[in-house]
Amino acid sequence: MLYLITGNGTVWFLMTLFLAELLFYWGIRLNQYLFVLTLIVANFLPFILKVDHNPVFLVVNRVILAYSFLGIGFFLCGFIKHLQWQTMVFWGCISLLSWLLLNLFLGYTYGMFEGYYALYPNTMPIILFGTIGFILLFSIIERKINIFAYIG
């Protein structure tokens, strides 16, 4: 049973998504400053603990990181509603270019499946720039073509 939750099949994703959504449900009800603090801690905690190759830690780590990315998406969603699409294209391209350059020159050292975390200063900016860039560019597509309403 533990392998189904931690393994490379689809069940680990469903478990992670469910638990991260539960955390987000309760986190959003906190004071706004406390919510932001929990998101910041969630971004750094898996890399600080460094309990590599522990199956239980893999589940906890995935849930904590998913929670932090739900928070990033939540705040970006509120922020980008007020931006013009040209500004979103500019910052989305800058973010993705930064993501690409950091990947090329610093290297990406985060293995979600393996539970391997090294060089945190390299890894977290790469993850954040990529996430923000893709959210901005997909938001532009959503504004122009309401495709995400159909595919979920």
Protein backbone atom coordinates (compact mmCIF):
# COMPACT_ATOMS: atom_id res chain seq x y z
CA MET A 1 0.00 0.00 0.00
CA LEU A 2 2.82 2.41 0.84
CA TYR A 3 4.32 1.88 -2.63
CA LEU A 4 1.05 2.94 -4.26
CA ILE A 5 1.19 6.22 -2.35
CA THR A 6 4.91 6.87 -2.87
CA GLY A 7 5.54 5.09 -6.17
CA ASN A 8 5.66 6.40 -9.69
CA GLY A 9 2.08 5.48 -10.57
CA THR A 10 -0.87 7.85 -10.58
CA VAL A 11 -2.04 7.17 -7.04
CA TRP A 12 0.76 9.23 -5.49
CA PHE A 13 -0.45 12.25 -7.45
CA LEU A 14 -4.04 11.82 -6.32
CA MET A 15 -2.97 11.48 -2.69
CA THR A 16 -0.71 14.52 -2.99
CA LEU A 17 -3.37 16.62 -4.65
CA PHE A 18 -6.01 15.65 -2.09
CA LEU A 19 -3.81 16.39 0.93
CA ALA A 20 -2.45 19.63 -0.56
CA GLU A 21 -5.98 20.83 -1.27
CA LEU A 22 -6.93 20.06 2.34
CA LEU A 23 -3.94 22.07 3.60
CA PHE A 24 -4.81 24.91 1.25
CA TYR A 25 -8.45 24.84 2.36
CA TRP A 26 -7.40 25.38 5.97
CA GLY A 27 -4.46 27.64 5.15
CA ILE A 28 -6.58 30.13 3.23
CA ARG A 29 -8.76 30.58 6.29
CA LEU A 30 -5.83 31.78 8.38
CA ASN A 31 -4.88 35.40 8.88
CA GLN A 32 -3.41 36.60 5.55
CA TYR A 33 0.06 37.16 7.04
CA LEU A 34 0.06 33.75 8.72
CA PHE A 35 -1.03 32.17 5.43
CA VAL A 36 1.89 33.81 3.59
CA LEU A 37 4.25 32.68 6.37
CA THR A 38 3.07 29.06 6.01
CA LEU A 39 3.63 29.27 2.24
CA ILE A 40 7.18 30.56 2.72
CA VAL A 41 7.95 27.82 5.24
CA ALA A 42 6.39 25.27 2.87
CA ASN A 43 8.75 26.38 0.10
CA PHE A 44 11.87 25.90 2.21
CA LEU A 45 10.99 23.06 4.60
CA PRO A 46 11.47 20.07 2.24
CA PHE A 47 14.91 21.28 1.27
CA ILE A 48 15.96 22.04 4.83
CA LEU A 49 14.90 18.65 6.23
CA LYS A 50 16.77 16.64 3.57
CA VAL A 51 15.42 13.24 4.58
CA ASP A 52 16.28 11.56 1.30
CA HIS A 53 14.75 8.29 0.12
CA ASN A 54 12.29 7.96 3.00
CA PRO A 55 8.88 6.91 1.58
CA VAL A 56 6.84 8.75 4.20
CA PHE A 57 8.92 11.86 3.73
CA LEU A 58 8.29 11.71 -0.02
CA VAL A 59 4.56 11.94 0.58
CA VAL A 60 4.93 14.77 3.11
CA ASN A 61 7.38 16.59 0.86
CA ARG A 62 5.16 16.39 -2.19
CA VAL A 63 2.16 17.63 -0.20
CA ILE A 64 4.09 20.56 1.29
CA LEU A 65 5.47 21.64 -2.09
CA ALA A 66 2.06 21.25 -3.76
CA TYR A 67 0.56 23.43 -1.01
CA SER A 68 3.15 26.12 -1.65
CA PHE A 69 2.46 26.08 -5.39
CA LEU A 70 -1.28 26.31 -4.79
CA GLY A 71 -0.54 29.43 -2.75
CA ILE A 72 1.65 30.89 -5.50
CA GLY A 73 -1.14 30.29 -8.01
CA PHE A 74 -3.70 31.82 -5.65
CA PHE A 75 -1.75 35.05 -5.23
CA LEU A 76 -0.80 35.25 -8.90
CA CYS A 77 -4.43 34.79 -9.89
CA GLY A 78 -5.44 37.82 -7.82
CA PHE A 79 -2.50 39.85 -9.12
CA ILE A 80 -2.80 39.13 -12.83
CA LYS A 81 -6.47 40.07 -13.00
CA HIS A 82 -5.30 43.68 -12.96
CA LEU A 83 -2.57 43.33 -15.61
CA GLN A 84 -2.89 43.98 -19.31
CA TRP A 85 -2.05 41.06 -21.55
CA GLN A 86 1.04 42.82 -22.98
CA THR A 87 2.48 43.14 -19.48
CA MET A 88 1.72 39.49 -18.79
CA VAL A 89 3.49 38.47 -22.03
CA PHE A 90 6.53 40.54 -21.09
CA TRP A 91 6.85 39.18 -17.54
CA GLY A 92 5.95 35.65 -18.60
CA CYS A 93 8.71 35.67 -21.22
CA ILE A 94 11.20 37.21 -18.77
CA SER A 95 10.31 34.55 -16.20
CA LEU A 96 10.62 31.67 -18.67
CA LEU A 97 13.89 33.06 -20.05
CA SER A 98 15.23 33.26 -16.48
CA TRP A 99 14.03 29.70 -15.90
CA LEU A 100 15.82 28.50 -19.03
CA LEU A 101 19.08 30.34 -18.26
CA LEU A 102 19.14 29.14 -14.66
CA ASN A 103 18.55 25.57 -15.87
CA LEU A 104 21.40 25.83 -18.36
CA PHE A 105 23.97 27.50 -16.15
CA LEU A 106 23.18 26.39 -12.60
CA GLY A 107 21.61 22.99 -13.10
CA TYR A 108 18.45 21.47 -11.74
CA THR A 109 18.96 19.21 -8.74
CA TYR A 110 15.51 18.31 -7.51
CA GLY A 111 14.15 14.80 -7.99
CA MET A 112 10.49 14.56 -7.01
CA PHE A 113 10.36 10.79 -7.48
CA GLU A 114 13.72 9.96 -5.96
CA GLY A 115 13.47 12.25 -2.94
CA TYR A 116 16.85 13.76 -3.78
CA TYR A 117 17.46 17.40 -2.95
CA ALA A 118 20.77 19.14 -3.43
CA LEU A 119 21.90 22.67 -4.20
CA TYR A 120 18.76 24.33 -2.87
CA PRO A 121 19.90 27.84 -3.93
CA ASN A 122 19.88 26.60 -7.54
CA THR A 123 16.71 24.57 -7.42
CA MET A 124 14.12 26.86 -5.82
CA PRO A 125 14.57 29.86 -8.16
CA ILE A 126 14.37 27.51 -11.14
CA ILE A 127 11.11 26.05 -9.87
CA LEU A 128 9.61 29.47 -9.04
CA PHE A 129 10.57 31.18 -12.31
CA GLY A 130 9.22 28.28 -14.34
CA THR A 131 5.97 28.14 -12.40
CA ILE A 132 5.34 31.89 -12.59
CA GLY A 133 6.21 32.03 -16.29
CA PHE A 134 3.89 29.19 -17.24
CA ILE A 135 1.05 30.57 -15.11
CA LEU A 136 1.36 33.99 -16.77
CA LEU A 137 1.48 32.62 -20.31
CA PHE A 138 -1.38 30.16 -19.77
CA SER A 139 -3.40 33.01 -18.26
CA ILE A 140 -2.97 34.96 -21.48
CA ILE A 141 -4.25 31.99 -23.48
CA GLU A 142 -7.20 31.75 -21.11
CA ARG A 143 -8.06 35.42 -21.65
CA LYS A 144 -7.96 35.10 -25.43
CA ILE A 145 -9.49 31.61 -25.82
CA ASN A 146 -11.67 30.22 -23.05
CA ILE A 147 -10.24 26.75 -23.62
CA PHE A 148 -9.60 25.83 -19.97
CA ALA A 149 -13.32 26.04 -19.18
CA TYR A 150 -13.82 23.08 -21.51
CA ILE A 151 -10.89 20.89 -20.55
CA GLY A 152 -11.10 21.43 -16.81
